[in-house]
C-alpha atoms as a PDB file:
ATOM      1  CA  MET A   1       0.000   0.000   0.000  1.00  0.00           C
ATOM      2  CA  LYS A   2       1.277   3.469  -0.907  1.00  0.00           C
ATOM      3  CA  PHE A   3       0.963   6.656   1.049  1.00  0.00           C
ATOM      4  CA  ILE A   4      -1.347   8.968  -0.884  1.00  0.00           C
ATOM      5  CA  ASP A   5      -1.104  12.682  -0.089  1.00  0.00           C
ATOM      6  CA  GLU A   6      -2.890  14.202  -3.088  1.00  0.00           C
ATOM      7  CA  THR A   7      -5.561  13.216  -5.569  1.00  0.00           C
ATOM      8  CA  LYS A   8      -8.288  14.629  -7.811  1.00  0.00           C
ATOM      9  CA  ILE A   9     -11.943  13.623  -7.934  1.00  0.00           C
ATOM     10  CA  ARG A  10     -15.112  14.854  -9.619  1.00  0.00           C
ATOM     11  CA  VAL A  11     -18.063  15.626  -7.374  1.00  0.00           C
ATOM     12  CA  ILE A  12     -21.640  15.939  -8.562  1.00  0.00           C
ATOM     13  CA  ALA A  13     -24.384  17.187  -6.268  1.00  0.00           C
ATOM     14  CA  GLY A  14     -27.928  15.906  -6.704  1.00  0.00           C
ATOM     15  CA  ASN A  15     -30.367  17.652  -9.024  1.00  0.00           C
ATOM     16  CA  GLY A  16     -33.435  19.232  -7.489  1.00  0.00           C
ATOM     17  CA  GLY A  17     -36.667  17.296  -7.939  1.00  0.00           C
ATOM     18  CA  PRO A  18     -39.285  18.670 -10.364  1.00  0.00           C
ATOM     19  CA  GLY A  19     -42.451  20.286  -9.106  1.00  0.00           C
ATOM     20  CA  CYS A  20     -45.797  18.588  -9.595  1.00  0.00           C
ATOM     21  CA  VAL A  21     -48.787  19.668 -11.705  1.00  0.00           C
ATOM     22  CA  SER A  22     -51.902  18.471  -9.912  1.00  0.00           C
ATOM     23  CA  PHE A  23     -55.418  19.634  -9.045  1.00  0.00           C
ATOM     24  CA  TYR A  24     -57.519  18.771  -6.037  1.00  0.00           C
ATOM     25  CA  ARG A  25     -60.044  16.038  -6.808  1.00  0.00           C
ATOM     26  CA  ALA A  26     -62.941  14.981  -4.604  1.00  0.00           C
ATOM     27  CA  LYS A  27     -66.526  13.891  -4.889  1.00  0.00           C
ATOM     28  CA  PHE A  28     -68.831  16.788  -5.697  1.00  0.00           C
ATOM     29  CA  VAL A  29     -65.808  19.010  -6.415  1.00  0.00           C
ATOM     30  CA  ARG A  30     -65.902  19.774 -10.129  1.00  0.00           C
ATOM     31  CA  ARG A  31     -62.842  21.997 -10.469  1.00  0.00           C
ATOM     32  CA  GLY A  32     -60.497  21.774  -7.540  1.00  0.00           C
ATOM     33  CA  PRO A  33     -57.641  24.212  -6.928  1.00  0.00           C
ATOM     34  CA  PRO A  34     -54.032  23.371  -7.916  1.00  0.00           C
ATOM     35  CA  ASP A  35     -52.288  21.299  -5.277  1.00  0.00           C
ATOM     36  CA  GLY A  36     -49.022  20.227  -6.911  1.00  0.00           C
ATOM     37  CA  GLY A  37     -46.165  20.109  -4.358  1.00  0.00           C
ATOM     38  CA  ASN A  38     -42.585  21.326  -4.734  1.00  0.00           C
ATOM     39  CA  GLY A  39     -39.707  19.071  -5.661  1.00  0.00           C
ATOM     40  CA  GLY A  40     -37.103  18.150  -3.033  1.00  0.00           C
ATOM     41  CA  GLN A  41     -33.660  19.721  -2.939  1.00  0.00           C
ATOM     42  CA  GLY A  42     -30.800  17.672  -4.334  1.00  0.00           C
ATOM     43  CA  GLY A  43     -28.293  16.157  -1.925  1.00  0.00           C
ATOM     44  CA  ASP A  44     -24.996  17.947  -1.213  1.00  0.00           C
ATOM     45  CA  VAL A  45     -21.515  16.508  -1.537  1.00  0.00           C
ATOM     46  CA  VAL A  46     -19.972  17.074   1.885  1.00  0.00           C
ATOM     47  CA  ALA A  47     -16.347  16.648   2.949  1.00  0.00           C
ATOM     48  CA  GLU A  48     -15.702  15.680   6.585  1.00  0.00           C
ATOM     49  CA  ALA A  49     -12.452  15.477   8.549  1.00  0.00           C
ATOM     50  CA  ASP A  50     -11.952  12.037  10.099  1.00  0.00           C
ATOM     51  CA  GLY A  51      -9.374  11.803  12.881  1.00  0.00           C
ATOM     52  CA  GLN A  52      -8.887   8.080  12.216  1.00  0.00           C
ATOM     53  CA  LEU A  53      -7.675   8.520   8.618  1.00  0.00           C
ATOM     54  CA  THR A  54      -4.036   9.215   7.777  1.00  0.00           C
ATOM     55  CA  THR A  55      -3.940   9.089   3.955  1.00  0.00           C
ATOM     56  CA  LEU A  56      -6.136   9.792   0.930  1.00  0.00           C
ATOM     57  CA  LEU A  57      -5.892   6.189  -0.231  1.00  0.00           C
ATOM     58  CA  ASP A  58      -9.669   5.676  -0.066  1.00  0.00           C
ATOM     59  CA  LEU A  59     -10.129   8.393  -2.695  1.00  0.00           C
ATOM     60  CA  ARG A  60      -7.285   7.341  -4.969  1.00  0.00           C
ATOM     61  CA  TYR A  61      -9.414   5.155  -7.219  1.00  0.00           C
ATOM     62  CA  ARG A  62     -12.756   6.860  -6.622  1.00  0.00           C
ATOM     63  CA  LYS A  63     -12.992   9.181  -9.600  1.00  0.00           C
ATOM     64  CA  GLU A  64     -16.554  10.381  -9.057  1.00  0.00           C
ATOM     65  CA  CYS A  65     -18.728  11.107  -6.026  1.00  0.00           C
ATOM     66  CA  LYS A  66     -22.395  11.746  -6.694  1.00  0.00           C
ATOM     67  CA  ALA A  67     -25.176  12.725  -4.295  1.00  0.00           C
ATOM     68  CA  SER A  68     -28.801  11.653  -4.713  1.00  0.00           C
ATOM     69  CA  PRO A  69     -31.346  13.835  -6.553  1.00  0.00           C
ATOM     70  CA  GLY A  70     -34.380  15.320  -4.834  1.00  0.00           C
ATOM     71  CA  LYS A  71     -37.695  13.545  -5.283  1.00  0.00           C
ATOM     72  CA  ARG A  72     -40.530  14.809  -7.446  1.00  0.00           C
ATOM     73  CA  GLY A  73     -43.315  16.786  -5.777  1.00  0.00           C
ATOM     74  CA  ALA A  74     -46.672  15.041  -5.368  1.00  0.00           C
ATOM     75  CA  ASP A  75     -50.351  15.907  -5.314  1.00  0.00           C
ATOM     76  CA  ALA A  76     -52.232  17.095  -2.232  1.00  0.00           C
ATOM     77  CA  GLY A  77     -49.497  19.679  -1.643  1.00  0.00           C
ATOM     78  CA  CYS A  78     -46.863  17.058  -0.744  1.00  0.00           C
ATOM     79  CA  ASN A  79     -43.291  18.195  -1.297  1.00  0.00           C
ATOM     80  CA  GLY A  80     -40.681  15.788  -2.587  1.00  0.00           C
ATOM     81  CA  ARG A  81     -38.071  14.325  -0.220  1.00  0.00           C
ATOM     82  CA  ARG A  82     -34.609  15.872  -0.107  1.00  0.00           C
ATOM     83  CA  GLY A  83     -31.847  13.871  -1.766  1.00  0.00           C
ATOM     84  CA  ASP A  84     -29.262  12.079   0.397  1.00  0.00           C
ATOM     85  CA  ASP A  85     -25.899  13.795   0.900  1.00  0.00           C
ATOM     86  CA  TYR A  86     -22.701  12.113  -0.214  1.00  0.00           C
ATOM     87  CA  VAL A  87     -20.057  12.370   2.539  1.00  0.00           C
ATOM     88  CA  ILE A  88     -16.370  12.217   1.643  1.00  0.00           C
ATOM     89  CA  LYS A  89     -14.126  11.297   4.587  1.00  0.00           C
ATOM     90  CA  VAL A  90     -10.661  12.873   4.574  1.00  0.00           C
ATOM     91  CA  PRO A  91      -7.846  13.094   7.151  1.00  0.00           C
ATOM     92  CA  VAL A  92      -7.313  16.111   9.370  1.00  0.00           C
ATOM     93  CA  GLY A  93      -4.881  18.456   7.613  1.00  0.00           C
ATOM     94  CA  THR A  94      -6.593  18.135   4.223  1.00  0.00           C
ATOM     95  CA  LEU A  95      -7.029  21.075   1.843  1.00  0.00           C
ATOM     96  CA  ILE A  96      -9.673  20.979  -0.889  1.00  0.00           C
ATOM     97  CA  ARG A  97      -9.618  23.308  -3.906  1.00  0.00           C
ATOM     98  CA  ASP A  98     -11.718  23.782  -7.014  1.00  0.00           C
ATOM     99  CA  VAL A  99      -9.450  22.842  -9.923  1.00  0.00           C
ATOM    100  CA  ALA A 100     -11.113  25.271 -12.347  1.00  0.00           C
ATOM    101  CA  THR A 101     -10.979  28.384 -10.161  1.00  0.00           C
ATOM    102  CA  GLY A 102      -8.305  27.551  -7.593  1.00  0.00           C
ATOM    103  CA  GLU A 103     -10.750  28.518  -4.824  1.00  0.00           C
ATOM    104  CA  LEU A 104      -9.966  26.977  -1.427  1.00  0.00           C
ATOM    105  CA  LEU A 105     -13.168  25.213  -0.406  1.00  0.00           C
ATOM    106  CA  ALA A 106     -12.014  23.601   2.844  1.00  0.00           C
ATOM    107  CA  ASP A 107      -9.022  23.521   5.183  1.00  0.00           C
ATOM    108  CA  PHE A 108      -9.652  20.915   7.858  1.00  0.00           C
ATOM    109  CA  LYS A 109      -7.789  21.404  11.131  1.00  0.00           C
ATOM    110  CA  ILE A 110      -9.839  19.478  13.679  1.00  0.00           C
ATOM    111  CA  PRO A 111     -11.735  16.157  13.534  1.00  0.00           C
ATOM    112  CA  GLY A 112     -15.429  16.425  12.721  1.00  0.00           C
ATOM    113  CA  GLU A 113     -15.200  19.589  10.630  1.00  0.00           C
ATOM    114  CA  ARG A 114     -17.509  19.543   7.609  1.00  0.00           C
ATOM    115  CA  ALA A 115     -17.756  21.593   4.423  1.00  0.00           C
ATOM    116  CA  VAL A 116     -20.169  21.487   1.487  1.00  0.00           C
ATOM    117  CA  VAL A 117     -17.981  21.148  -1.610  1.00  0.00           C
ATOM    118  CA  ALA A 118     -20.885  20.834  -4.081  1.00  0.00           C
ATOM    119  CA  ALA A 119     -24.367  22.115  -3.271  1.00  0.00           C
ATOM    120  CA  GLY A 120     -27.486  20.278  -4.386  1.00  0.00           C
ATOM    121  CA  GLY A 121     -29.885  21.903  -6.808  1.00  0.00           C
ATOM    122  CA  ARG A 122     -33.085  23.536  -5.555  1.00  0.00           C
ATOM    123  CA  GLY A 123     -36.333  21.691  -6.113  1.00  0.00           C
ATOM    124  CA  GLY A 124     -38.792  23.056  -8.658  1.00  0.00           C
ATOM    125  CA  LYS A 125     -42.002  24.762  -7.551  1.00  0.00           C
ATOM    126  CA  GLY A 126     -45.268  22.870  -8.017  1.00  0.00           C
ATOM    127  CA  ASN A 127     -48.254  24.456  -9.726  1.00  0.00           C
ATOM    128  CA  ALA A 128     -49.835  25.297  -6.373  1.00  0.00           C
ATOM    129  CA  HIS A 129     -47.079  27.873  -5.923  1.00  0.00           C
ATOM    130  CA  PHE A 130     -48.140  29.761  -9.027  1.00  0.00           C
ATOM    131  CA  ALA A 131     -51.851  30.015  -8.224  1.00  0.00           C
ATOM    132  CA  SER A 132     -53.125  33.580  -7.886  1.00  0.00           C
ATOM    133  CA  SER A 133     -56.306  35.583  -8.248  1.00  0.00           C
ATOM    134  CA  THR A 134     -55.561  36.072 -11.935  1.00  0.00           C
ATOM    135  CA  ASN A 135     -54.170  32.618 -12.579  1.00  0.00           C
ATOM    136  CA  ARG A 136     -56.352  30.150 -10.736  1.00  0.00           C
ATOM    137  CA  SER A 137     -55.463  27.043 -12.700  1.00  0.00           C
ATOM    138  CA  PRO A 138     -51.736  27.070 -13.595  1.00  0.00           C
ATOM    139  CA  ARG A 139     -50.868  23.985 -15.587  1.00  0.00           C
ATOM    140  CA  TYR A 140     -47.122  24.217 -15.273  1.00  0.00           C
ATOM    141  CA  ALA A 141     -44.424  23.571 -12.685  1.00  0.00           C
ATOM    142  CA  GLN A 142     -40.710  24.217 -12.493  1.00  0.00           C
ATOM    143  CA  PRO A 143     -38.108  21.559 -13.219  1.00  0.00           C
ATOM    144  CA  GLY A 144     -35.501  21.088 -10.500  1.00  0.00           C
ATOM    145  CA  GLU A 145     -32.228  22.993 -10.755  1.00  0.00           C
ATOM    146  CA  PRO A 146     -29.094  20.973 -11.548  1.00  0.00           C
ATOM    147  CA  GLY A 147     -26.691  20.257  -8.708  1.00  0.00           C
ATOM    148  CA  ALA A 148     -23.203  21.758  -8.692  1.00  0.00           C
ATOM    149  CA  GLU A 149     -20.527  19.787 -10.504  1.00  0.00           C
ATOM    150  CA  ARG A 150     -16.813  20.426 -10.118  1.00  0.00           C
ATOM    151  CA  GLU A 151     -13.411  18.781 -10.088  1.00  0.00           C
ATOM    152  CA  LEU A 152     -11.609  18.909  -6.767  1.00  0.00           C
ATOM    153  CA  GLU A 153      -7.938  18.861  -5.949  1.00  0.00           C
ATOM    154  CA  ILE A 154      -7.481  17.232  -2.548  1.00  0.00           C
ATOM    155  CA  GLU A 155      -4.153  17.620  -0.782  1.00  0.00           C
ATOM    156  CA  LEU A 156      -3.048  16.262   2.576  1.00  0.00           C
ATOM    157  CA  ARG A 157      -0.651  18.574   4.357  1.00  0.00           C
ATOM    158  CA  LEU A 158       1.030  18.755   7.770  1.00  0.00           C
ATOM    159  CA  LEU A 159       2.003  15.100   7.562  1.00  0.00           C
ATOM    160  CA  ALA A 160       5.251  15.449   9.418  1.00  0.00           C
ATOM    161  CA  VAL A 161       6.582  18.002  11.871  1.00  0.00           C
ATOM    162  CA  ILE A 162       9.202  19.200   9.385  1.00  0.00           C
ATOM    163  CA  SER A 163       6.366  20.196   7.065  1.00  0.00           C
ATOM    164  CA  VAL A 164       4.976  22.647   9.638  1.00  0.00           C
ATOM    165  CA  ILE A 165       8.258  24.101  10.853  1.00  0.00           C
ATOM    166  CA  SER A 166       9.871  24.544   7.436  1.00  0.00           C
ATOM    167  CA  ALA A 167       8.973  24.861   3.755  1.00  0.00           C
ATOM    168  CA  VAL A 168       9.695  21.179   3.082  1.00  0.00           C
ATOM    169  CA  ARG A 169       6.791  18.967   1.928  1.00  0.00           C
ATOM    170  CA  PRO A 170       8.070  15.409   2.440  1.00  0.00           C
ATOM    171  CA  LYS A 171       6.572  12.235   1.044  1.00  0.00           C
ATOM    172  CA  ILE A 172       5.593   9.905   3.878  1.00  0.00           C
ATOM    173  CA  ALA A 173       4.976   6.179   4.008  1.00  0.00           C
ATOM    174  CA  ASP A 174       1.831   4.618   5.440  1.00  0.00           C
ATOM    175  CA  TYR A 175       3.348   3.694   8.806  1.00  0.00           C
ATOM    176  CA  PRO A 176       3.776   6.139  11.683  1.00  0.00           C
ATOM    177  CA  PHE A 177       6.413   8.892  11.394  1.00  0.00           C
ATOM    178  CA  THR A 178       8.309   7.242   8.571  1.00  0.00           C
ATOM    179  CA  THR A 179       9.421   9.355   5.649  1.00  0.00           C
ATOM    180  CA  LEU A 180      10.617   7.611   2.506  1.00  0.00           C
ATOM    181  CA  VAL A 181      13.821   9.646   2.272  1.00  0.00           C
ATOM    182  CA  PRO A 182      15.616  11.994   4.693  1.00  0.00           C
ATOM    183  CA  ASN A 183      14.381  15.565   4.223  1.00  0.00           C
ATOM    184  CA  LEU A 184      16.262  18.724   5.106  1.00  0.00           C
ATOM    185  CA  GLY A 185      14.541  21.995   5.930  1.00  0.00           C
ATOM    186  CA  VAL A 186      15.798  25.388   7.098  1.00  0.00           C
ATOM    187  CA  VAL A 187      13.821  26.574  10.129  1.00  0.00           C
ATOM    188  CA  SER A 188      13.755  30.177  11.401  1.00  0.00           C
ATOM    189  CA  TYR A 189      13.415  30.781  15.132  1.00  0.00           C
ATOM    190  CA  GLY A 190      13.855  34.419  15.923  1.00  0.00           C
ATOM    191  CA  GLU A 191      15.433  37.421  14.294  1.00  0.00           C
ATOM    192  CA  GLY A 192      18.255  36.309  12.030  1.00  0.00           C
ATOM    193  CA  LYS A 193      18.441  32.837  13.571  1.00  0.00           C
ATOM    194  CA  SER A 194      17.862  29.496  11.898  1.00  0.00           C
ATOM    195  CA  PHE A 195      18.818  25.855  11.997  1.00  0.00           C
ATOM    196  CA  VAL A 196      18.682  22.908   9.619  1.00  0.00           C
ATOM    197  CA  ALA A 197      16.239  20.142  10.558  1.00  0.00           C
ATOM    198  CA  ALA A 198      16.659  16.644   9.146  1.00  0.00           C
ATOM    199  CA  ASP A 199      13.537  14.483   9.023  1.00  0.00           C
ATOM    200  CA  ILE A 200      14.952  10.974   9.382  1.00  0.00           C
ATOM    201  CA  PRO A 201      12.895   7.866   8.467  1.00  0.00           C
ATOM    202  CA  GLY A 202      11.520   6.063  11.515  1.00  0.00           C
ATOM    203  CA  LEU A 203      13.309   3.047  12.887  1.00  0.00           C
ATOM    204  CA  ILE A 204      11.978  -0.442  13.441  1.00  0.00           C
ATOM    205  CA  GLU A 205      13.419  -3.195  15.594  1.00  0.00           C
ATOM    206  CA  GLY A 206      16.562  -4.564  13.969  1.00  0.00           C
ATOM    207  CA  ALA A 207      17.292  -1.334  12.083  1.00  0.00           C
ATOM    208  CA  HIS A 208      20.949  -1.449  13.164  1.00  0.00           C
ATOM    209  CA  GLN A 209      21.196  -4.786  11.305  1.00  0.00           C
ATOM    210  CA  GLY A 210      19.681  -3.372   8.122  1.00  0.00           C
ATOM    211  CA  HIS A 211      16.004  -4.155   8.716  1.00  0.00           C
ATOM    212  CA  GLY A 212      13.565  -1.726   7.125  1.00  0.00           C
ATOM    213  CA  LEU A 213      15.084   1.595   6.040  1.00  0.00           C
ATOM    214  CA  GLY A 214      17.008   1.945   9.266  1.00  0.00           C
ATOM    215  CA  ASP A 215      20.774   1.491   8.931  1.00  0.00           C
ATOM    216  CA  LYS A 216      20.956   3.584   5.755  1.00  0.00           C
ATOM    217  CA  PHE A 217      19.766   6.607   7.671  1.00  0.00           C
ATOM    218  CA  LEU A 218      21.233   6.068  11.114  1.00  0.00           C
ATOM    219  CA  ARG A 219      24.406   7.542   9.606  1.00  0.00           C
ATOM    220  CA  HIS A 220      22.533  10.808   9.110  1.00  0.00           C
ATOM    221  CA  VAL A 221      21.803  10.916  12.837  1.00  0.00           C
ATOM    222  CA  MET A 222      25.542  10.850  13.551  1.00  0.00           C
ATOM    223  CA  ARG A 223      25.921  14.335  12.064  1.00  0.00           C
ATOM    224  CA  THR A 224      23.181  15.960  14.152  1.00  0.00           C
ATOM    225  CA  ARG A 225      23.775  18.050  17.263  1.00  0.00           C
ATOM    226  CA  LEU A 226      20.356  17.443  18.802  1.00  0.00           C
ATOM    227  CA  LEU A 227      17.796  14.646  18.518  1.00  0.00           C
ATOM    228  CA  VAL A 228      14.063  15.313  18.535  1.00  0.00           C
ATOM    229  CA  HIS A 229      12.330  12.013  19.263  1.00  0.00           C
ATOM    230  CA  LEU A 230       8.807  12.262  17.856  1.00  0.00           C
ATOM    231  CA  LEU A 231       6.206   9.834  19.215  1.00  0.00           C
ATOM    232  CA  ASP A 232       2.640   9.253  18.027  1.00  0.00           C
ATOM    233  CA  ALA A 233       0.910   9.741  21.369  1.00  0.00           C
ATOM    234  CA  SER A 234      -2.343   8.176  20.144  1.00  0.00           C
ATOM    235  CA  GLN A 235      -0.550   4.875  19.386  1.00  0.00           C
ATOM    236  CA  LEU A 236       1.407   4.509  22.627  1.00  0.00           C
ATOM    237  CA  ASP A 237       1.070   1.186  24.439  1.00  0.00           C
ATOM    238  CA  GLU A 238      -1.133   1.724  27.490  1.00  0.00           C
ATOM    239  CA  GLN A 239       0.762  -0.904  29.482  1.00  0.00           C
ATOM    240  CA  ASP A 240       4.208   0.384  28.515  1.00  0.00           C
ATOM    241  CA  PRO A 241       4.052   3.885  26.969  1.00  0.00           C
ATOM    242  CA  LEU A 242       7.868   3.939  26.819  1.00  0.00           C
ATOM    243  CA  ALA A 243       8.099   0.838  24.610  1.00  0.00           C
ATOM    244  CA  THR A 244       8.512   2.707  21.307  1.00  0.00           C
ATOM    245  CA  TRP A 245      10.876   5.275  22.812  1.00  0.00           C
ATOM    246  CA  LYS A 246      13.033   2.523  24.334  1.00  0.00           C
ATOM    247  CA  ALA A 247      13.101   0.510  21.102  1.00  0.00           C
ATOM    248  CA  VAL A 248      14.339   3.436  18.989  1.00  0.00           C
ATOM    249  CA  ASN A 249      16.977   4.414  21.529  1.00  0.00           C
ATOM    250  CA  ARG A 250      18.105   0.793  21.705  1.00  0.00           C
ATOM    251  CA  GLU A 251      18.583   0.661  17.937  1.00  0.00           C
ATOM    252  CA  MET A 252      20.630   3.869  17.998  1.00  0.00           C
ATOM    253  CA  GLU A 253      22.804   2.571  20.823  1.00  0.00           C
ATOM    254  CA  LEU A 254      23.405  -0.737  19.049  1.00  0.00           C
ATOM    255  CA  PHE A 255      24.386   1.115  15.877  1.00  0.00           C
ATOM    256  CA  ASP A 256      26.743   3.492  17.705  1.00  0.00           C
ATOM    257  CA  PRO A 257      26.886   4.017  21.502  1.00  0.00           C
ATOM    258  CA  GLU A 258      27.722   7.704  20.985  1.00  0.00           C
ATOM    259  CA  LEU A 259      24.274   8.347  19.563  1.00  0.00           C
ATOM    260  CA  ILE A 260      22.603   7.728  22.888  1.00  0.00           C
ATOM    261  CA  ASP A 261      24.698  10.493  24.467  1.00  0.00           C
ATOM    262  CA  LYS A 262      23.378  13.191  22.156  1.00  0.00           C
ATOM    263  CA  PRO A 263      20.945  15.723  23.698  1.00  0.00           C
ATOM    264  CA  GLN A 264      17.383  14.632  23.069  1.00  0.00           C
ATOM    265  CA  ILE A 265      13.975  16.301  23.169  1.00  0.00           C
ATOM    266  CA  VAL A 266      11.001  13.954  23.486  1.00  0.00           C
ATOM    267  CA  VAL A 267       7.897  15.140  21.636  1.00  0.00           C
ATOM    268  CA  ALA A 268       4.391  13.642  21.800  1.00  0.00           C
ATOM    269  CA  ASN A 269       2.419  14.340  18.627  1.00  0.00           C
ATOM    270  CA  LYS A 270      -1.342  14.035  17.872  1.00  0.00           C
ATOM    271  CA  VAL A 271      -2.532  15.571  21.131  1.00  0.00           C
ATOM    272  CA  ASP A 272      -5.465  16.961  19.136  1.00  0.00           C
ATOM    273  CA  LEU A 273      -6.942  13.474  19.620  1.00  0.00           C
ATOM    274  CA  PRO A 274      -8.383  12.819  23.114  1.00  0.00           C
ATOM    275  CA  GLU A 275      -6.547   9.501  23.478  1.00  0.00           C
ATOM    276  CA  GLY A 276      -3.328  11.159  22.332  1.00  0.00           C
ATOM    277  CA  ARG A 277      -3.521  13.869  24.986  1.00  0.00           C
ATOM    278  CA  GLU A 278      -4.266  11.385  27.774  1.00  0.00           C
ATOM    279  CA  LYS A 279      -1.469   9.023  26.770  1.00  0.00           C
ATOM    280  CA  ALA A 280       0.961  11.953  26.519  1.00  0.00           C
ATOM    281  CA  LYS A 281       0.285  12.719  30.199  1.00  0.00           C
ATOM    282  CA  VAL A 282       1.092   9.123  31.138  1.00  0.00           C
ATOM    283  CA  LEU A 283       4.245   9.231  28.995  1.00  0.00           C
ATOM    284  CA  SER A 284       5.385  12.390  30.763  1.00  0.00           C
ATOM    285  CA  LYS A 285       5.108  10.687  34.164  1.00  0.00           C
ATOM    286  CA  LYS A 286       6.878   7.492  33.068  1.00  0.00           C
ATOM    287  CA  LEU A 287       9.747   9.088  31.157  1.00  0.00           C
ATOM    288  CA  PRO A 288      13.101   9.284  33.002  1.00  0.00           C
ATOM    289  CA  LYS A 289      13.678  12.706  34.590  1.00  0.00           C
ATOM    290  CA  ALA A 290      16.651  13.405  32.322  1.00  0.00           C
ATOM    291  CA  PHE A 291      14.278  13.555  29.324  1.00  0.00           C
ATOM    292  CA  ARG A 292      11.456  15.549  30.911  1.00  0.00           C
ATOM    293  CA  PRO A 293       9.380  17.493  30.275  1.00  0.00           C
ATOM    294  CA  VAL A 294       7.690  15.894  27.292  1.00  0.00           C
ATOM    295  CA  HIS A 295       6.811  18.536  24.720  1.00  0.00           C
ATOM    296  CA  VAL A 296       3.281  18.022  23.352  1.00  0.00           C
ATOM    297  CA  ILE A 297       2.237  19.112  19.864  1.00  0.00           C
ATOM    298  CA  SER A 298      -0.302  18.518  17.131  1.00  0.00           C
ATOM    299  CA  ALA A 299       1.128  18.657  13.617  1.00  0.00           C
ATOM    300  CA  ALA A 300      -2.474  18.722  12.342  1.00  0.00           C
ATOM    301  CA  THR A 301      -3.571  21.829  14.275  1.00  0.00           C
ATOM    302  CA  THR A 302      -0.020  23.247  14.864  1.00  0.00           C
ATOM    303  CA  GLU A 303      -0.635  23.345  18.631  1.00  0.00           C
ATOM    304  CA  GLY A 304       2.713  23.598  20.404  1.00  0.00           C
ATOM    305  CA  VAL A 305       4.708  23.595  17.139  1.00  0.00           C
ATOM    306  CA  GLN A 306       6.020  27.158  17.397  1.00  0.00           C
ATOM    307  CA  ALA A 307       7.027  26.600  21.016  1.00  0.00           C
ATOM    308  CA  LEU A 308       8.868  23.449  19.926  1.00  0.00           C
ATOM    309  CA  VAL A 309      10.770  25.412  17.266  1.00  0.00           C
ATOM    310  CA  TYR A 310      11.999  27.921  19.851  1.00  0.00           C
ATOM    311  CA  LEU A 311      12.856  25.125  22.278  1.00  0.00           C
ATOM    312  CA  ILE A 312      14.984  23.418  19.617  1.00  0.00           C
ATOM    313  CA  GLY A 313      16.646  26.733  18.830  1.00  0.00           C
ATOM    314  CA  ARG A 314      17.520  27.366  22.497  1.00  0.00           C
ATOM    315  CA  LYS A 315      18.836  23.834  22.968  1.00  0.00           C
ATOM    316  CA  LEU A 316      21.007  24.133  19.856  1.00  0.00           C
ATOM    317  CA  ASP A 317      22.424  27.432  21.151  1.00  0.00           C
ATOM    318  CA  GLU A 318      23.311  25.681  24.418  1.00  0.00           C
ATOM    319  CA  VAL A 319      24.925  22.769  22.552  1.00  0.00           C
ATOM    320  CA  ARG A 320      26.980  25.140  20.382  1.00  0.00           C
ATOM    321  CA  GLN A 321      28.137  27.121  23.404  1.00  0.00           C
ATOM    322  CA  GLN A 322      29.095  23.926  25.209  1.00  0.00           C
ATOM    323  CA  SER A 323      30.990  22.693  22.152  1.00  0.00           C
ATOM    324  CA  GLU A 324      32.932  25.965  21.959  1.00  0.00           C
ATOM    325  CA  THR A 325      33.731  25.800  25.662  1.00  0.00           C
ATOM    326  CA  ASP A 326      34.938  22.187  25.384  1.00  0.00           C
ATOM    327  CA  ARG A 327      37.029  23.068  22.324  1.00  0.00           C
ATOM    328  CA  ASP A 328      38.641  26.028  24.106  1.00  0.00           C
ATOM    329  CA  THR A 329      39.352  23.907  27.189  1.00  0.00           C
ATOM    330  CA  ALA A 330      40.878  21.150  25.087  1.00  0.00           C
ATOM    331  CA  GLY A 331      43.030  23.699  23.232  1.00  0.00           C
ATOM    332  CA  ALA A 332      44.290  25.210  26.488  1.00  0.00           C
ATOM    333  CA  GLN A 333      45.175  21.786  27.892  1.00  0.00           C
ATOM    334  CA  GLU A 334      46.996  20.872  24.705  1.00  0.00           C
ATOM    335  CA  ALA A 335      48.968  24.138  24.833  1.00  0.00           C
ATOM    336  CA  ASN A 336      49.987  23.473  28.445  1.00  0.00           C
ATOM    337  CA  THR A 337      51.344  20.067  27.540  1.00  0.00           C
END
């Protein structure tokens, strides 16, 4: 299965139902008044943010989404039923644009958000609507209006933290926090200050032995000054929330013991989800004191992201200062000998 972060689909809202031409009929009533009802409105095509989805794979091969038309009006003044909406489920962080106009139709930031991306057509008026003192027996009704039809460009953004702290838009695989290739991005954090962030593919057990993508990219970690360990808080093991954190650190240590000595910031992502926020609290209590506090963020809503950027910047300044101090001390000792 591939990670899908953009696709195009055609959406067609339902047509409005036609109005009805009808006249009241009853025993002893020779010429009854018009009683044709209105047609029902066509169904809308609605996009909805689903916190459980992570890719646009479900839409990849769905080229057309069509809502139901409104029902025809009936006699006795009965209006037609409204057409059923067609709901498109997309992940949080999805942007939807009209291909023809470039108009941004939706930018989903929280689960449950909804937006009408194609409105259903209005139902036609029945002949009862047109009755008047000068036109007592109208023999016509309106047809329903056509529903909106458009081509949509659907794009999933904010898939990785580097994509919200820099201009990089990485391609990501369909397993948690795993990019397909290392991505570099320049991040600004204050007036005239910046640092380079490297988004390294996630590690699986046995990565130091070449399993998965691991050992190819552990070498990239060797060149970093600071590690930011990003955890999907919503997927943490309730019995052992440190399991993933321990496993990744173990792989780094087995690859090169010096890696484990690098400064590290632990970050819990997806706190926009209720289970993610609760598990992040448990993680914070269980984590060894040397790695506290856990910094909580949501890449989808950008909660805590800016604070994380400044935290990384401050930590890097401290690391640089310490490196300069150590270098000066080493130089002085060498000169004395």
